[in-house]
Amino acid sequence: MPGELWLDLVAWLRGGTPALPEAAREASRGLALLTVEAEADALVGSGQTHGLHDRLAAGGLRSRLTLPAAAHHDLFTGPRFRAALAPRLLAFAACLREG
């Protein structure tokens, strides 16, 4: 689990959200970012990935996708990956090449 997600989980359990280190925000400035969540993910809480997306610095191309009714492993393999996620990944990559 990425450290940022762990910090968000601990903060949620404690009732707050820790500040993202300025170094992390600065490093993200101007970078392209695509976050993907599986709506029915039993391993990563709903909103965790997109929440980090919101906390990083704005700048480059930004996009987010939530796969409806998808489980955690649907993000990496199987028919849902091929039908719903792979085309979005390719489109995002194409935008990067164009930009």
N, C-alpha and C. Protein backbone atom coordinates (compact mmCIF):
# COMPACT_ATOMS: atom_id res chain seq x y z
N MET A 1 0.85 -1.17 0.00
CA MET A 1 0.00 0.00 0.00
C MET A 1 0.90 1.24 0.00
N PRO A 2 0.65 2.17 -0.91
CA PRO A 2 1.45 3.40 -0.91
C PRO A 2 1.34 4.14 0.42
N GLY A 3 2.42 4.79 0.80
CA GLY A 3 2.46 5.49 2.07
C GLY A 3 1.37 6.52 2.24
N GLU A 4 1.02 7.21 1.17
CA GLU A 4 -0.01 8.24 1.26
C GLU A 4 -1.36 7.63 1.62
N LEU A 5 -1.65 6.46 1.08
CA LEU A 5 -2.92 5.81 1.40
C LEU A 5 -2.94 5.36 2.86
N TRP A 6 -1.78 4.86 3.33
CA TRP A 6 -1.68 4.45 4.73
C TRP A 6 -1.92 5.66 5.64
N LEU A 7 -1.29 6.80 5.33
CA LEU A 7 -1.49 8.01 6.14
C LEU A 7 -2.95 8.44 6.13
N ASP A 8 -3.59 8.35 4.97
CA ASP A 8 -5.00 8.70 4.89
C ASP A 8 -5.86 7.77 5.75
N LEU A 9 -5.54 6.47 5.74
CA LEU A 9 -6.29 5.52 6.54
C LEU A 9 -6.13 5.81 8.03
N VAL A 10 -4.89 6.04 8.46
CA VAL A 10 -4.64 6.35 9.87
C VAL A 10 -5.36 7.63 10.26
N ALA A 11 -5.31 8.64 9.40
CA ALA A 11 -5.98 9.90 9.68
C ALA A 11 -7.49 9.70 9.78
N TRP A 12 -8.04 8.89 8.89
CA TRP A 12 -9.47 8.64 8.91
C TRP A 12 -9.86 7.98 10.23
N LEU A 13 -9.04 7.00 10.66
CA LEU A 13 -9.32 6.33 11.93
C LEU A 13 -9.24 7.29 13.11
N ARG A 14 -8.37 8.28 13.00
CA ARG A 14 -8.20 9.27 14.07
C ARG A 14 -9.16 10.44 13.91
N GLY A 15 -9.80 10.56 12.77
CA GLY A 15 -10.79 11.61 12.57
C GLY A 15 -10.27 12.86 11.88
N GLY A 16 -9.18 12.79 11.15
CA GLY A 16 -8.66 13.95 10.43
C GLY A 16 -7.85 13.51 9.24
N THR A 17 -7.34 14.45 8.49
CA THR A 17 -6.50 14.16 7.33
C THR A 17 -5.15 14.82 7.54
N PRO A 18 -4.06 14.02 7.50
CA PRO A 18 -2.74 14.63 7.70
C PRO A 18 -2.37 15.50 6.50
N ALA A 19 -1.59 16.49 6.75
CA ALA A 19 -1.12 17.35 5.67
C ALA A 19 -0.15 16.57 4.80
N LEU A 20 -0.29 16.70 3.50
CA LEU A 20 0.64 16.08 2.58
C LEU A 20 1.93 16.89 2.63
N PRO A 21 3.08 16.23 2.78
CA PRO A 21 4.33 16.98 2.85
C PRO A 21 4.51 17.89 1.64
N GLU A 22 5.01 19.08 1.88
CA GLU A 22 5.20 20.04 0.79
C GLU A 22 6.10 19.48 -0.30
N ALA A 23 7.08 18.66 0.09
CA ALA A 23 7.97 18.06 -0.92
C ALA A 23 7.17 17.19 -1.89
N ALA A 24 6.18 16.47 -1.40
CA ALA A 24 5.34 15.63 -2.27
C ALA A 24 4.49 16.51 -3.19
N ARG A 25 3.95 17.58 -2.64
CA ARG A 25 3.15 18.49 -3.46
C ARG A 25 4.02 19.15 -4.53
N GLU A 26 5.21 19.57 -4.16
CA GLU A 26 6.11 20.23 -5.10
C GLU A 26 6.54 19.27 -6.20
N ALA A 27 6.84 18.03 -5.83
CA ALA A 27 7.27 17.03 -6.81
C ALA A 27 6.17 16.73 -7.82
N SER A 28 4.91 16.88 -7.42
CA SER A 28 3.80 16.57 -8.31
C SER A 28 3.42 17.74 -9.20
N ARG A 29 3.93 18.91 -8.93
CA ARG A 29 3.54 20.11 -9.68
C ARG A 29 3.87 19.96 -11.16
N GLY A 30 2.86 20.11 -11.99
CA GLY A 30 3.06 20.06 -13.44
C GLY A 30 3.07 18.67 -14.04
N LEU A 31 2.96 17.62 -13.23
CA LEU A 31 2.98 16.26 -13.76
C LEU A 31 1.58 15.81 -14.17
N ALA A 32 1.53 14.97 -15.18
CA ALA A 32 0.26 14.36 -15.58
C ALA A 32 -0.11 13.32 -14.53
N LEU A 33 -1.40 13.22 -14.23
CA LEU A 33 -1.85 12.28 -13.21
C LEU A 33 -3.19 11.68 -13.61
N LEU A 34 -3.24 10.36 -13.63
CA LEU A 34 -4.49 9.63 -13.85
C LEU A 34 -4.67 8.72 -12.65
N THR A 35 -5.76 8.88 -11.92
CA THR A 35 -6.05 7.97 -10.82
C THR A 35 -7.24 7.11 -11.20
N VAL A 36 -7.17 5.84 -10.78
CA VAL A 36 -8.21 4.87 -11.11
C VAL A 36 -8.62 4.16 -9.83
N GLU A 37 -9.91 4.09 -9.60
CA GLU A 37 -10.45 3.36 -8.45
C GLU A 37 -11.43 2.31 -8.94
N ALA A 38 -11.48 1.21 -8.20
CA ALA A 38 -12.49 0.18 -8.43
C ALA A 38 -13.62 0.43 -7.43
N GLU A 39 -14.82 0.60 -7.93
CA GLU A 39 -15.95 0.98 -7.08
C GLU A 39 -16.21 -0.02 -5.95
N ALA A 40 -16.02 -1.32 -6.22
CA ALA A 40 -16.28 -2.35 -5.22
C ALA A 40 -14.98 -2.92 -4.65
N ASP A 41 -13.95 -2.08 -4.55
CA ASP A 41 -12.64 -2.52 -4.06
C ASP A 41 -12.71 -2.84 -2.57
N ALA A 42 -12.36 -4.08 -2.21
CA ALA A 42 -12.37 -4.50 -0.81
C ALA A 42 -11.01 -4.29 -0.15
N LEU A 43 -10.00 -3.89 -0.91
CA LEU A 43 -8.65 -3.72 -0.37
C LEU A 43 -8.28 -2.27 -0.12
N VAL A 44 -8.74 -1.38 -0.97
CA VAL A 44 -8.45 0.05 -0.83
C VAL A 44 -9.79 0.77 -0.68
N GLY A 45 -9.93 1.54 0.36
CA GLY A 45 -11.19 2.21 0.65
C GLY A 45 -11.62 3.17 -0.44
N SER A 46 -12.91 3.26 -0.62
CA SER A 46 -13.48 4.16 -1.62
C SER A 46 -13.03 5.59 -1.37
N GLY A 47 -12.58 6.24 -2.41
CA GLY A 47 -12.16 7.63 -2.32
C GLY A 47 -10.71 7.85 -1.95
N GLN A 48 -10.00 6.81 -1.54
CA GLN A 48 -8.61 6.98 -1.11
C GLN A 48 -7.71 7.45 -2.25
N THR A 49 -7.81 6.80 -3.40
CA THR A 49 -6.94 7.14 -4.52
C THR A 49 -7.28 8.52 -5.06
N HIS A 50 -8.56 8.78 -5.27
CA HIS A 50 -8.96 10.09 -5.79
C HIS A 50 -8.71 11.18 -4.74
N GLY A 51 -8.78 10.83 -3.47
CA GLY A 51 -8.48 11.79 -2.41
C GLY A 51 -7.05 12.28 -2.49
N LEU A 52 -6.13 11.37 -2.73
CA LEU A 52 -4.73 11.77 -2.89
C LEU A 52 -4.58 12.64 -4.14
N HIS A 53 -5.29 12.27 -5.19
CA HIS A 53 -5.29 13.06 -6.43
C HIS A 53 -5.62 14.52 -6.12
N ASP A 54 -6.64 14.72 -5.29
CA ASP A 54 -7.06 16.08 -4.94
C ASP A 54 -6.02 16.82 -4.11
N ARG A 55 -5.24 16.09 -3.32
CA ARG A 55 -4.28 16.72 -2.41
C ARG A 55 -2.96 17.08 -3.09
N LEU A 56 -2.69 16.50 -4.25
CA LEU A 56 -1.45 16.83 -4.95
C LEU A 56 -1.60 18.17 -5.66
N ALA A 57 -0.47 18.77 -5.95
CA ALA A 57 -0.48 20.08 -6.60
C ALA A 57 -1.08 20.00 -8.00
N ALA A 58 -1.77 21.04 -8.36
CA ALA A 58 -2.35 21.11 -9.70
C ALA A 58 -1.24 21.45 -10.69
N GLY A 59 -1.54 21.30 -11.92
CA GLY A 59 -0.55 21.66 -12.93
C GLY A 59 -0.79 20.93 -14.22
N GLY A 60 -0.27 19.75 -14.37
CA GLY A 60 -0.36 19.02 -15.63
C GLY A 60 -1.74 18.44 -15.88
N LEU A 61 -1.81 17.64 -16.91
CA LEU A 61 -3.04 16.95 -17.29
C LEU A 61 -3.51 16.09 -16.13
N ARG A 62 -4.77 16.22 -15.75
CA ARG A 62 -5.34 15.45 -14.65
C ARG A 62 -6.60 14.75 -15.12
N SER A 63 -6.75 13.49 -14.70
CA SER A 63 -7.94 12.73 -15.02
C SER A 63 -8.15 11.69 -13.94
N ARG A 64 -9.40 11.31 -13.74
CA ARG A 64 -9.72 10.26 -12.76
C ARG A 64 -10.81 9.39 -13.34
N LEU A 65 -10.79 8.12 -12.91
CA LEU A 65 -11.76 7.16 -13.40
C LEU A 65 -12.13 6.24 -12.25
N THR A 66 -13.40 5.98 -12.08
CA THR A 66 -13.88 4.97 -11.15
C THR A 66 -14.59 3.91 -11.98
N LEU A 67 -14.11 2.66 -11.88
CA LEU A 67 -14.72 1.57 -12.63
C LEU A 67 -15.95 1.06 -11.87
N PRO A 68 -17.15 1.25 -12.41
CA PRO A 68 -18.37 0.82 -11.72
C PRO A 68 -18.37 -0.69 -11.46
N ALA A 69 -18.75 -1.06 -10.25
CA ALA A 69 -18.91 -2.47 -9.83
C ALA A 69 -17.64 -3.30 -9.92
N ALA A 70 -16.50 -2.68 -10.12
CA ALA A 70 -15.24 -3.41 -10.26
C ALA A 70 -14.63 -3.72 -8.90
N ALA A 71 -13.98 -4.88 -8.82
CA ALA A 71 -13.23 -5.27 -7.63
C ALA A 71 -11.77 -4.85 -7.81
N HIS A 72 -10.99 -4.97 -6.76
CA HIS A 72 -9.59 -4.52 -6.78
C HIS A 72 -8.81 -5.09 -7.96
N HIS A 73 -8.87 -6.39 -8.16
CA HIS A 73 -8.06 -7.01 -9.20
C HIS A 73 -8.57 -6.76 -10.61
N ASP A 74 -9.77 -6.23 -10.74
CA ASP A 74 -10.26 -5.82 -12.06
C ASP A 74 -9.44 -4.67 -12.62
N LEU A 75 -8.70 -3.98 -11.76
CA LEU A 75 -7.86 -2.87 -12.21
C LEU A 75 -6.61 -3.36 -12.95
N PHE A 76 -6.29 -4.64 -12.83
CA PHE A 76 -5.02 -5.14 -13.36
C PHE A 76 -5.17 -6.20 -14.43
N THR A 77 -6.31 -6.88 -14.48
CA THR A 77 -6.45 -8.01 -15.39
C THR A 77 -7.92 -8.30 -15.66
N GLY A 78 -8.17 -9.11 -16.66
CA GLY A 78 -9.52 -9.58 -16.91
C GLY A 78 -10.31 -8.74 -17.89
N PRO A 79 -11.55 -9.13 -18.13
CA PRO A 79 -12.37 -8.46 -19.14
C PRO A 79 -12.71 -7.02 -18.81
N ARG A 80 -12.88 -6.70 -17.53
CA ARG A 80 -13.18 -5.31 -17.16
C ARG A 80 -11.98 -4.41 -17.45
N PHE A 81 -10.78 -4.93 -17.18
CA PHE A 81 -9.57 -4.17 -17.51
C PHE A 81 -9.51 -3.91 -19.01
N ARG A 82 -9.69 -4.96 -19.80
CA ARG A 82 -9.58 -4.81 -21.26
C ARG A 82 -10.67 -3.90 -21.83
N ALA A 83 -11.89 -4.04 -21.31
CA ALA A 83 -13.02 -3.29 -21.88
C ALA A 83 -13.11 -1.85 -21.38
N ALA A 84 -12.83 -1.63 -20.10
CA ALA A 84 -13.09 -0.30 -19.52
C ALA A 84 -11.83 0.49 -19.20
N LEU A 85 -10.80 -0.18 -18.70
CA LEU A 85 -9.63 0.58 -18.24
C LEU A 85 -8.57 0.75 -19.32
N ALA A 86 -8.23 -0.31 -20.03
CA ALA A 86 -7.17 -0.22 -21.04
C ALA A 86 -7.43 0.89 -22.06
N PRO A 87 -8.65 1.03 -22.60
CA PRO A 87 -8.88 2.13 -23.55
C PRO A 87 -8.64 3.51 -22.93
N ARG A 88 -9.02 3.69 -21.66
CA ARG A 88 -8.79 4.98 -20.99
C ARG A 88 -7.31 5.24 -20.78
N LEU A 89 -6.55 4.19 -20.42
CA LEU A 89 -5.10 4.34 -20.27
C LEU A 89 -4.45 4.74 -21.59
N LEU A 90 -4.87 4.09 -22.67
CA LEU A 90 -4.32 4.43 -23.98
C LEU A 90 -4.69 5.85 -24.39
N ALA A 91 -5.92 6.26 -24.11
CA ALA A 91 -6.35 7.63 -24.45
C ALA A 91 -5.56 8.66 -23.64
N PHE A 92 -5.33 8.37 -22.36
CA PHE A 92 -4.55 9.29 -21.52
C PHE A 92 -3.12 9.40 -22.05
N ALA A 93 -2.53 8.26 -22.42
CA ALA A 93 -1.17 8.26 -22.98
C ALA A 93 -1.13 9.04 -24.28
N ALA A 94 -2.18 8.92 -25.10
CA ALA A 94 -2.22 9.66 -26.35
C ALA A 94 -2.26 11.16 -26.11
N CYS A 95 -3.00 11.58 -25.09
CA CYS A 95 -3.04 13.00 -24.73
C CYS A 95 -1.67 13.51 -24.33
N LEU A 96 -0.91 12.67 -23.64
CA LEU A 96 0.44 13.06 -23.23
C LEU A 96 1.34 13.25 -24.45
N ARG A 97 1.20 12.37 -25.42
CA ARG A 97 2.03 12.47 -26.64
C ARG A 97 1.67 13.73 -27.42
N GLU A 98 0.37 14.09 -27.45
CA GLU A 98 -0.09 15.25 -28.19
C GLU A 98 0.31 16.56 -27.52
N GLY A 99 0.30 16.54 -26.18
CA GLY A 99 0.53 17.75 -25.41
C GLY A 99 1.94 18.14 -25.37
